[in-house]
């Protein structure tokens, strides 16, 4: 029976003794071994009463077994819900209850803390550790290493991913088999992946980037992954000579640039470095190319759509841009109020349409109608523009737009200017309440180590380059910017920290 996602990603490797996961302890998991474990897990999932369309939530450490849960869900027709391992029990409670998860997997060390969460949600709780331990793994060990794959259709749901929820309740994005598979197939071709590639995988697998981009691509082509539990500079540098490609977040690249062992010789054999999940500073682009001879390929995606755009594999990979819409993806910039399409060069709301776009938000029909137009275009919430050469620029989130004295201020424009100044490592521009202007522009700046850049010097540098209403009313210095697990600056935290900056 047909199951498009399982057949394309997993079923094609049945019986193959080829290496799939290269682990940091020197062990190798073959495709056949991985599929046998996934089949055992699928057997245990169904034995626990889950049927096609039911939800399985998992908050477990990255491991081959954790990845096998994803494969098991695909094979059994169960909707997979991976959860950030940093979430607290109170945060997890919302996701498990809202999704209606029938089975909840957690780390053995978290069982006591999460048992009340599972009980309140009416979910069965089982444990799965990173070393093969736990009640779920132990029970599955007696299951057969084969499982009859459940029939599924392209439009059937395969996964839920919850948005970060920084401005209200987190929303469960419903992703279909076709959403995941179509995007992986496009990226495989666009980025020229083949079975000869070895991907260095140090990303988490509770997120689109590490699970539905990196893993799905390598499953499609049949090449191995160096499967590291987390980013560790020592481990990455040790494994780089065995890899041909790496996908990372900006933090990966900045930390490697801080290490003198990163040399042109170390990465001479590498084919491709990809960055996403957060903007990569232009300075990081330049430093990486000067140090390694490689130009990082930056792309743009989100929870609801997987990947939308990418800088070209061949051609100019432009710092500060996210390239062109991927094949099959339509992208336009619209007026946030009227929805009318804007000409190139004008900033507005980015909307996308294509087979990668999700089906809607779980149990939120009103929110789905607000953000997913009847014509199929998804209103991303990202502000951007398309330049004269067709490259897409992300200016910021719509919620980050600052309206000061009736004028629109786009944070990215100011951040780019500040980041160019001597002594500045990076910056974040936020809008905070102001008695006269409604909102005022406030700059939060991180200095380079040892630099003594002052607020006065930065203000003077910006005065001749920005209209007065765009110039920061205040500049503050911090040791580092708050970031989430994927490296994105959490401006909601900064806005809360400085909300009283102009009061009294």
Protein backbone atom coordinates (compact mmCIF):
# COMPACT_ATOMS: atom_id res chain seq x y z
CA UNK A 1 0.00 0.00 0.00
CA UNK A 2 1.20 3.50 -0.79
CA UNK A 3 2.54 5.84 1.86
CA UNK A 4 4.31 8.64 -0.06
CA UNK A 5 6.43 10.02 2.78
CA UNK A 6 7.53 6.68 4.22
CA UNK A 7 8.10 5.12 0.81
CA UNK A 8 10.27 8.01 -0.44
CA UNK A 9 12.30 8.63 2.70
CA UNK A 10 12.53 5.28 4.46
CA UNK A 11 11.07 2.37 2.53
CA UNK A 12 13.51 2.80 -0.33
CA UNK A 13 16.35 1.79 2.02
CA UNK A 14 14.91 -1.52 3.21
CA UNK A 15 17.62 -4.18 3.37
CA UNK A 16 20.43 -1.70 2.65
CA UNK A 17 23.49 -2.27 4.85
CA UNK A 18 24.79 1.18 3.88
CA UNK A 19 25.84 3.64 6.60
CA UNK A 20 23.13 6.09 7.63
CA UNK A 21 24.15 7.59 11.01
CA UNK A 22 27.80 8.07 11.98
CA UNK A 23 27.86 8.65 15.73
CA UNK A 24 30.34 10.59 17.82
CA UNK A 25 31.30 7.46 19.78
CA UNK A 26 32.51 5.82 16.56
CA UNK A 27 29.50 3.58 16.03
CA UNK A 28 27.60 3.41 12.74
CA UNK A 29 23.88 2.76 12.28
CA UNK A 30 23.03 1.31 8.87
CA UNK A 31 19.84 2.05 6.98
CA UNK A 32 18.64 -1.51 7.62
CA UNK A 33 19.32 -1.28 11.36
CA UNK A 34 17.55 2.06 11.57
CA UNK A 35 14.47 0.77 9.73
CA UNK A 36 14.30 -2.33 11.91
CA UNK A 37 14.23 -0.12 15.00
CA UNK A 38 11.61 2.16 13.44
CA UNK A 39 9.45 -0.90 12.68
CA UNK A 40 9.71 -2.07 16.30
CA UNK A 41 8.71 1.40 17.45
CA UNK A 42 5.77 1.45 15.01
CA UNK A 43 4.66 -1.89 16.42
CA UNK A 44 4.82 -0.57 19.97
CA UNK A 45 3.00 2.65 19.03
CA UNK A 46 0.09 0.69 17.56
CA UNK A 47 0.11 -1.74 20.51
CA UNK A 48 -0.43 1.28 22.76
CA UNK A 49 -3.62 2.01 20.86
CA UNK A 50 -2.60 4.71 18.40
CA UNK A 51 -4.32 4.69 15.03
CA UNK A 52 -3.65 6.65 11.83
CA UNK A 53 -4.26 10.34 12.47
CA UNK A 54 -3.55 10.11 16.22
CA UNK A 55 -0.81 12.34 17.63
CA UNK A 56 2.45 11.30 19.29
CA UNK A 57 4.31 14.03 21.21
CA UNK A 58 7.99 13.55 21.99
CA UNK A 59 10.30 15.60 24.19
CA UNK A 60 13.43 13.48 24.02
CA UNK A 61 17.15 14.05 23.50
CA UNK A 62 18.56 13.80 20.00
CA UNK A 63 19.60 10.23 19.23
CA UNK A 64 19.14 7.53 16.56
CA UNK A 65 16.15 6.25 18.55
CA UNK A 66 14.58 9.72 18.66
CA UNK A 67 14.88 9.91 14.89
CA UNK A 68 13.43 6.41 14.58
CA UNK A 69 10.27 7.66 16.33
CA UNK A 70 9.74 10.02 13.38
CA UNK A 71 10.11 7.12 10.94
CA UNK A 72 7.79 4.96 13.04
CA UNK A 73 5.10 7.64 12.99
CA UNK A 74 5.38 7.93 9.22
CA UNK A 75 5.10 4.15 8.82
CA UNK A 76 2.13 3.86 11.21
CA UNK A 77 0.29 6.92 9.88
CA UNK A 78 0.61 8.72 13.22
CA UNK A 79 1.10 12.50 13.36
CA UNK A 80 4.50 13.34 14.86
CA UNK A 81 4.88 16.27 17.27
CA UNK A 82 8.52 16.91 18.30
CA UNK A 83 8.97 19.27 21.25
CA UNK A 84 11.88 21.51 22.17
CA UNK A 85 13.90 19.80 24.89
CA UNK A 86 14.28 23.14 26.69
CA UNK A 87 10.54 23.51 27.33
CA UNK A 88 9.47 23.37 30.97
CA UNK A 89 6.66 21.05 32.15
CA UNK A 90 4.23 23.98 32.23
CA UNK A 91 5.08 24.82 28.62
CA UNK A 92 4.88 21.20 27.51
CA UNK A 93 1.46 20.90 29.15
CA UNK A 94 -0.07 23.27 26.60
CA UNK A 95 1.33 21.41 23.59
CA UNK A 96 0.31 17.96 24.80
CA UNK A 97 -3.20 19.07 25.75
CA UNK A 98 -3.79 21.25 22.70
CA UNK A 99 -2.62 18.60 20.24
CA UNK A 100 -4.67 15.88 21.90
CA UNK A 101 -1.59 13.66 21.88
CA UNK A 102 -2.48 10.06 22.69
CA UNK A 103 1.11 9.07 23.50
CA UNK A 104 3.78 11.28 25.08
CA UNK A 105 7.43 10.22 25.08
CA UNK A 106 9.90 11.88 27.43
CA UNK A 107 13.39 11.33 28.78
CA UNK A 108 13.54 8.90 31.72
CA UNK A 109 14.97 11.65 33.93
CA UNK A 110 11.89 13.81 33.29
CA UNK A 111 9.27 11.15 33.96
CA UNK A 112 8.34 12.30 37.48
CA UNK A 113 7.99 15.94 36.43
CA UNK A 114 5.97 15.16 33.30
CA UNK A 115 3.70 12.42 34.64
CA UNK A 116 1.14 15.00 35.88
CA UNK A 117 1.25 16.69 32.46
CA UNK A 118 0.43 13.44 30.66
CA UNK A 119 -2.29 12.56 33.17
CA UNK A 120 -3.98 15.95 32.84
CA UNK A 121 -3.94 15.66 29.04
CA UNK A 122 -5.20 12.07 29.06
CA UNK A 123 -2.04 10.88 27.29
CA UNK A 124 -0.13 7.66 27.87
CA UNK A 125 3.40 8.44 29.12
CA UNK A 126 6.41 6.35 28.15
CA UNK A 127 10.13 7.09 28.36
CA UNK A 128 12.90 7.03 25.76
CA UNK A 129 16.53 7.80 26.58
CA UNK A 130 19.40 8.69 24.28
CA UNK A 131 21.21 5.40 25.03
CA UNK A 132 18.33 3.08 24.15
CA UNK A 133 16.92 2.97 27.67
CA UNK A 134 13.39 3.74 28.85
CA UNK A 135 10.04 1.98 29.07
CA UNK A 136 9.12 2.63 25.43
CA UNK A 137 12.42 1.29 24.06
CA UNK A 138 12.36 -1.71 26.36
CA UNK A 139 8.83 -2.70 25.35
CA UNK A 140 9.58 -2.16 21.67
CA UNK A 141 12.61 -4.44 21.83
CA UNK A 142 10.34 -7.51 21.72
CA UNK A 143 8.42 -6.29 18.66
CA UNK A 144 9.16 -7.66 15.17
CA UNK A 145 11.72 -5.76 13.05
CA UNK A 146 9.12 -5.46 10.29
CA UNK A 147 5.85 -3.53 10.26
CA UNK A 148 3.11 -3.38 7.61
CA UNK A 149 3.27 0.21 6.37
CA UNK A 150 -0.06 2.02 6.76
CA UNK A 151 -1.57 3.51 3.61
CA UNK A 152 -1.53 7.30 3.52
CA UNK A 153 -2.41 9.98 0.97
CA UNK A 154 -0.30 13.03 0.06
CA UNK A 155 -2.77 15.36 1.80
CA UNK A 156 -2.81 13.37 5.04
CA UNK A 157 -1.18 15.06 8.03
CA UNK A 158 2.32 13.89 8.91
CA UNK A 159 3.46 16.33 11.60
CA UNK A 160 2.52 19.17 13.91
CA UNK A 161 5.05 21.88 14.66
CA UNK A 162 4.12 24.59 17.14
CA UNK A 163 5.14 28.18 16.54
CA UNK A 164 7.18 29.94 19.21
CA UNK A 165 4.19 31.86 20.55
CA UNK A 166 6.01 35.08 21.48
CA UNK A 167 2.85 37.15 20.86
CA UNK A 168 0.10 34.92 22.23
CA UNK A 169 -0.82 31.24 22.18
CA UNK A 170 1.45 28.96 20.20
CA UNK A 171 -0.20 27.69 17.03
CA UNK A 172 0.05 24.10 15.84
CA UNK A 173 1.04 24.16 12.16
CA UNK A 174 -0.41 21.11 10.40
CA UNK A 175 2.06 19.72 7.85
CA UNK A 176 1.04 17.12 5.30
CA UNK A 177 2.99 14.33 3.68
CA UNK A 178 3.11 16.38 0.47
CA UNK A 179 4.34 19.50 2.30
CA UNK A 180 7.36 17.67 3.70
CA UNK A 181 8.16 15.53 0.69
CA UNK A 182 7.83 18.21 -1.99
CA UNK A 183 10.12 20.59 -0.13
CA UNK A 184 12.81 17.95 0.43
CA UNK A 185 12.73 16.94 -3.23
CA UNK A 186 13.17 20.55 -4.39
CA UNK A 187 16.02 21.24 -1.95
CA UNK A 188 17.82 18.02 -2.86
CA UNK A 189 18.04 19.18 -6.46
CA UNK A 190 18.57 22.88 -5.79
CA UNK A 191 21.49 22.25 -3.45
CA UNK A 192 22.86 19.35 -5.56
CA UNK A 193 22.78 16.66 -2.87
CA UNK A 194 23.61 13.08 -3.92
CA UNK A 195 24.33 9.77 -2.19
CA UNK A 196 28.01 10.75 -2.23
CA UNK A 197 27.35 13.55 0.26
CA UNK A 198 28.12 13.21 3.96
CA UNK A 199 26.17 15.77 5.98
CA UNK A 200 27.55 17.03 9.29
CA UNK A 201 24.36 17.21 11.39
CA UNK A 202 24.71 19.09 14.69
CA UNK A 203 21.22 20.65 14.68
CA UNK A 204 18.36 19.70 17.00
CA UNK A 205 15.67 17.46 15.51
CA UNK A 206 12.64 19.11 17.13
CA UNK A 207 12.75 21.88 14.51
CA UNK A 208 12.13 22.18 10.76
CA UNK A 209 15.81 22.83 10.00
CA UNK A 210 17.30 19.71 11.55
CA UNK A 211 14.41 17.32 10.96
CA UNK A 212 12.51 18.22 7.81
CA UNK A 213 15.34 19.86 5.87
CA UNK A 214 18.61 18.17 6.82
CA UNK A 215 17.33 14.68 7.61
CA UNK A 216 14.74 14.42 4.85
CA UNK A 217 17.23 15.46 2.18
CA UNK A 218 19.77 12.86 3.26
CA UNK A 219 17.10 10.17 3.44
CA UNK A 220 16.05 11.04 -0.11
CA UNK A 221 19.56 10.71 -1.52
CA UNK A 222 20.68 7.81 0.68
CA UNK A 223 23.89 9.38 1.96
CA UNK A 224 25.11 9.24 5.58
CA UNK A 225 24.88 11.86 8.30
CA UNK A 226 27.47 12.57 10.98
CA UNK A 227 24.85 12.67 13.72
CA UNK A 228 26.13 14.76 16.63
CA UNK A 229 23.92 15.18 19.73
CA UNK A 230 24.48 18.96 19.71
CA UNK A 231 26.83 21.60 18.37
CA UNK A 232 30.26 21.24 19.95
CA UNK A 233 33.16 23.01 18.26
CA UNK A 234 35.66 20.27 19.13
CA UNK A 235 33.43 17.54 17.70
CA UNK A 236 32.56 19.54 14.59
CA UNK A 237 36.22 20.28 13.84
CA UNK A 238 37.11 16.63 14.42
CA UNK A 239 34.42 15.43 12.00
CA UNK A 240 34.68 18.11 9.30
CA UNK A 241 37.37 16.22 7.34
CA UNK A 242 34.87 13.35 6.88
CA UNK A 243 31.98 15.58 5.73
CA UNK A 244 31.08 17.19 2.41
CA UNK A 245 28.36 19.53 3.65
CA UNK A 246 27.04 21.17 6.80
CA UNK A 247 23.79 22.88 7.72
CA UNK A 248 23.90 25.25 10.65
CA UNK A 249 22.58 28.34 12.36
CA UNK A 250 24.65 31.55 12.50
CA UNK A 251 25.99 30.67 15.95
CA UNK A 252 27.73 27.60 14.48
CA UNK A 253 29.69 29.78 12.10
CA UNK A 254 30.60 32.52 14.57
CA UNK A 255 31.84 29.96 17.10
CA UNK A 256 33.92 28.17 14.51
CA UNK A 257 35.42 31.49 13.40
CA UNK A 258 36.55 32.00 17.00
CA UNK A 259 38.55 28.75 16.80
CA UNK A 260 42.07 28.95 15.30
CA UNK A 261 41.75 25.34 14.10
CA UNK A 262 39.31 26.49 11.41
CA UNK A 263 41.56 26.79 8.38
CA UNK A 264 41.26 26.65 4.63
CA UNK A 265 42.94 23.23 4.65
CA UNK A 266 40.44 21.84 7.17
CA UNK A 267 37.48 22.50 4.85
CA UNK A 268 39.18 22.31 1.45
CA UNK A 269 37.21 19.17 0.53
CA UNK A 270 33.82 20.58 1.63
CA UNK A 271 31.16 21.17 -1.00
CA UNK A 272 28.59 23.31 0.78
CA UNK A 273 27.93 25.28 3.96
CA UNK A 274 24.29 26.31 4.54
CA UNK A 275 22.93 28.71 7.17
CA UNK A 276 19.40 29.45 8.28
CA UNK A 277 16.89 29.80 11.14
CA UNK A 278 18.23 33.30 11.93
CA UNK A 279 19.87 36.08 9.89
CA UNK A 280 23.59 35.73 9.23
CA UNK A 281 25.54 38.94 9.71
CA UNK A 282 27.25 40.25 6.58
CA UNK A 283 30.49 40.42 8.55
CA UNK A 284 30.22 36.69 9.30
CA UNK A 285 29.79 36.03 5.58
CA UNK A 286 32.92 38.01 4.80
CA UNK A 287 35.02 36.49 7.58
CA UNK A 288 34.01 32.93 6.65
CA UNK A 289 34.88 33.41 3.00
CA UNK A 290 38.21 35.06 3.81
CA UNK A 291 39.12 32.31 6.27
CA UNK A 292 37.89 29.22 4.41
CA UNK A 293 37.43 30.15 0.77
CA UNK A 294 33.77 29.06 1.01
CA UNK A 295 30.78 31.36 0.66
CA UNK A 296 27.95 30.36 2.98
CA UNK A 297 24.59 29.72 1.30
CA UNK A 298 21.78 31.43 3.20
CA UNK A 299 18.12 30.52 2.81
CA UNK A 300 14.72 31.42 4.28
CA UNK A 301 12.03 29.21 5.74
CA UNK A 302 9.59 28.96 8.59
CA UNK A 303 7.58 26.50 10.65
CA UNK A 304 4.48 26.75 8.45
CA UNK A 305 6.22 26.37 5.11
CA UNK A 306 9.60 24.68 5.49
CA UNK A 307 11.92 26.42 2.99
CA UNK A 308 10.71 29.24 0.72
CA UNK A 309 13.83 30.78 -0.82
CA UNK A 310 17.53 30.13 -1.21
CA UNK A 311 20.61 31.82 -2.51
CA UNK A 312 21.78 30.04 -5.66
CA UNK A 313 24.09 27.05 -5.64
CA UNK A 314 25.75 28.46 -8.75
CA UNK A 315 25.88 32.22 -8.93
CA UNK A 316 26.16 35.12 -6.53
CA UNK A 317 25.33 34.22 -2.91
CA UNK A 318 24.61 37.70 -1.63
CA UNK A 319 25.14 38.54 2.04
CA UNK A 320 22.09 40.14 3.58
CA UNK A 321 19.69 38.38 1.22
CA UNK A 322 17.95 35.01 1.24
CA UNK A 323 18.14 34.53 -2.51
CA UNK A 324 15.30 33.60 -4.84
CA UNK A 325 12.00 31.73 -4.42
CA UNK A 326 12.58 27.99 -4.74
CA UNK A 327 11.18 26.15 -7.77
CA UNK A 328 7.45 25.74 -7.31
CA UNK A 329 7.22 28.49 -4.67
CA UNK A 330 5.54 31.80 -5.51
CA UNK A 331 6.58 34.79 -3.41
CA UNK A 332 5.26 38.33 -3.44
CA UNK A 333 5.51 41.45 -1.29
CA UNK A 334 2.21 43.09 -0.41
CA UNK A 335 0.83 46.13 1.35
CA UNK A 336 0.15 44.95 4.94
CA UNK A 337 -3.16 46.86 5.00
CA UNK A 338 -4.67 46.37 1.55
CA UNK A 339 -2.94 43.15 0.46
CA UNK A 340 -2.08 44.73 -2.90
CA UNK A 341 1.17 43.52 -4.47
CA UNK A 342 4.01 46.04 -4.25
CA UNK A 343 6.67 46.68 -6.91
CA UNK A 344 10.26 45.55 -6.47
CA UNK A 345 12.23 47.75 -4.10
CA UNK A 346 9.32 48.51 -1.77
CA UNK A 347 9.05 47.01 1.72
CA UNK A 348 5.94 45.11 2.65
CA UNK A 349 4.57 41.80 3.88
CA UNK A 350 6.00 38.62 2.37
CA UNK A 351 3.41 36.12 1.16
CA UNK A 352 4.17 32.68 -0.26
CA UNK A 353 2.24 29.96 -2.07
CA UNK A 354 3.31 26.46 -3.08
CA UNK A 355 3.18 22.75 -2.24
CA UNK A 356 5.36 23.48 0.83
CA UNK A 357 2.71 25.65 2.52
CA UNK A 358 0.99 24.04 5.49
CA UNK A 359 -2.67 23.02 5.72
CA UNK A 360 -3.60 25.39 8.55
CA UNK A 361 -3.45 25.80 12.33
CA UNK A 362 -4.72 22.95 14.49
CA UNK A 363 -8.11 23.83 16.02
CA UNK A 364 -7.69 27.51 15.09
CA UNK A 365 -9.94 28.07 12.05
CA UNK A 366 -10.15 31.83 12.60
CA UNK A 367 -6.37 32.18 12.81
CA UNK A 368 -6.01 30.00 9.72
CA UNK A 369 -8.38 32.28 7.77
CA UNK A 370 -6.45 35.35 8.95
CA UNK A 371 -3.09 34.09 7.72
CA UNK A 372 -3.88 31.67 4.89
CA UNK A 373 -5.72 33.37 2.04
CA UNK A 374 -8.38 31.57 0.00
CA UNK A 375 -6.08 31.76 -3.03
CA UNK A 376 -3.44 29.72 -1.16
CA UNK A 377 -1.03 32.53 -0.29
CA UNK A 378 0.28 32.41 3.28
CA UNK A 379 0.86 35.75 5.02
CA UNK A 380 4.21 35.02 6.65
CA UNK A 381 4.38 37.93 9.10
CA UNK A 382 7.83 38.75 7.73
CA UNK A 383 8.56 42.18 6.26
CA UNK A 384 10.78 42.20 3.21
CA UNK A 385 11.40 43.39 -0.29
CA UNK A 386 12.59 42.08 -3.63
CA UNK A 387 15.47 44.02 -5.15
CA UNK A 388 16.03 44.87 -8.81
CA UNK A 389 17.90 41.59 -9.38
CA UNK A 390 15.15 39.47 -7.82
CA UNK A 391 16.91 38.71 -4.53
CA UNK A 392 14.63 38.60 -1.48
CA UNK A 393 15.61 40.67 1.57
CA UNK A 394 14.07 40.02 5.00
CA UNK A 395 13.68 43.30 6.88
CA UNK A 396 12.13 41.90 10.06
CA UNK A 397 8.98 40.50 11.57
CA UNK A 398 5.79 42.51 11.14
CA UNK A 399 5.47 42.70 14.91
CA UNK A 400 8.96 44.26 15.03
CA UNK A 401 7.91 47.20 12.83
CA UNK A 402 8.27 50.44 14.78
CA UNK A 403 5.82 53.31 14.24
CA UNK A 404 7.42 56.43 15.66
CA UNK A 405 5.57 59.72 15.34
CA UNK A 406 3.45 58.20 12.57
CA UNK A 407 6.45 57.07 10.52
CA UNK A 408 7.33 53.45 9.79
CA UNK A 409 10.79 52.39 10.94
CA UNK A 410 12.27 49.09 9.78
CA UNK A 411 14.77 47.75 12.35
CA UNK A 412 16.97 45.92 9.83
CA UNK A 413 17.97 49.15 8.08
CA UNK A 414 19.33 50.61 11.32
CA UNK A 415 20.90 47.35 12.51
CA UNK A 416 22.91 47.03 9.30
CA UNK A 417 24.32 50.55 9.75
CA UNK A 418 25.19 50.01 13.41
CA UNK A 419 26.80 46.64 12.72
CA UNK A 420 29.13 48.31 10.20
CA UNK A 421 30.58 50.64 12.85
CA UNK A 422 33.99 50.02 14.40
CA UNK A 423 33.82 48.17 17.68
CA UNK A 424 30.33 46.74 17.12
CA UNK A 425 29.73 43.00 17.06
CA UNK A 426 25.96 43.08 16.54
CA UNK A 427 22.84 45.03 17.41
CA UNK A 428 19.08 44.78 17.82
CA UNK A 429 16.66 47.63 17.19
CA UNK A 430 13.36 47.66 19.09
CA UNK A 431 10.45 50.02 19.57
CA UNK A 432 9.53 50.97 23.13
CA UNK A 433 6.70 53.15 24.46
CA UNK A 434 7.35 56.90 24.29
CA UNK A 435 5.08 59.68 25.63
CA UNK A 436 5.51 61.92 22.58
CA UNK A 437 6.15 59.59 19.65
CA UNK A 438 4.05 56.59 20.64
CA UNK A 439 7.10 54.42 20.07
CA UNK A 440 10.75 55.38 20.14
CA UNK A 441 13.69 53.63 18.52
CA UNK A 442 16.04 52.00 21.01
CA UNK A 443 19.30 50.30 20.03
CA UNK A 444 20.69 47.37 22.01
CA UNK A 445 24.33 46.89 21.04
CA UNK A 446 26.99 44.26 21.70
CA UNK A 447 30.57 45.55 21.47
CA UNK A 448 33.47 43.58 20.06
CA UNK A 449 35.69 42.20 22.86
CA UNK A 450 37.87 44.99 24.19
CA UNK A 451 36.13 47.72 22.18
CA UNK A 452 35.16 50.98 23.90
CA UNK A 453 32.62 52.25 21.39
CA UNK A 454 30.34 54.84 23.02
CA UNK A 455 26.71 55.74 22.53
CA UNK A 456 27.78 59.23 21.51
CA UNK A 457 30.11 57.92 18.80
CA UNK A 458 27.46 55.60 17.38
CA UNK A 459 24.84 58.34 17.46
CA UNK A 460 27.16 60.68 15.58
CA UNK A 461 27.91 58.01 12.97
CA UNK A 462 24.21 57.45 12.32
CA UNK A 463 23.11 61.09 12.29
CA UNK A 464 24.22 61.74 8.74
CA UNK A 465 22.91 58.44 7.37
CA UNK A 466 19.42 58.17 8.81
CA UNK A 467 16.39 60.43 8.89
CA UNK A 468 15.91 61.88 12.34
CA UNK A 469 12.82 59.77 13.11
CA UNK A 470 14.85 56.60 12.47
CA UNK A 471 17.76 57.53 14.73
CA UNK A 472 17.82 55.72 18.08
CA UNK A 473 16.59 57.87 20.93
CA UNK A 474 18.75 55.76 23.20
CA UNK A 475 21.64 53.31 22.77
CA UNK A 476 22.36 50.70 25.44
CA UNK A 477 25.20 48.18 25.59
CA UNK A 478 24.86 44.56 26.69
CA UNK A 479 27.19 41.56 26.90
CA UNK A 480 25.01 39.46 24.58
CA UNK A 481 21.58 39.44 22.94
CA UNK A 482 18.96 36.96 24.16
CA UNK A 483 18.42 34.15 21.64
CA UNK A 484 16.24 31.10 21.33
CA UNK A 485 17.61 27.61 20.67
CA UNK A 486 17.82 28.25 16.93
CA UNK A 487 19.83 31.45 17.35
CA UNK A 488 17.08 33.99 16.68
CA UNK A 489 17.28 37.20 18.70
CA UNK A 490 14.31 37.35 21.07
CA UNK A 491 13.17 40.92 20.63
CA UNK A 492 10.09 40.28 22.72
CA UNK A 493 12.41 39.85 25.73
CA UNK A 494 14.27 43.06 24.88
CA UNK A 495 11.02 44.98 24.52
CA UNK A 496 9.94 43.79 27.95
CA UNK A 497 13.32 44.61 29.50
CA UNK A 498 13.31 48.17 28.15
CA UNK A 499 9.58 48.96 28.09
CA UNK A 500 10.07 51.64 30.77
CA UNK A 501 13.13 53.24 29.16
CA UNK A 502 11.31 56.52 28.38
CA UNK A 503 8.86 56.62 31.26
CA UNK A 504 9.20 59.19 34.01
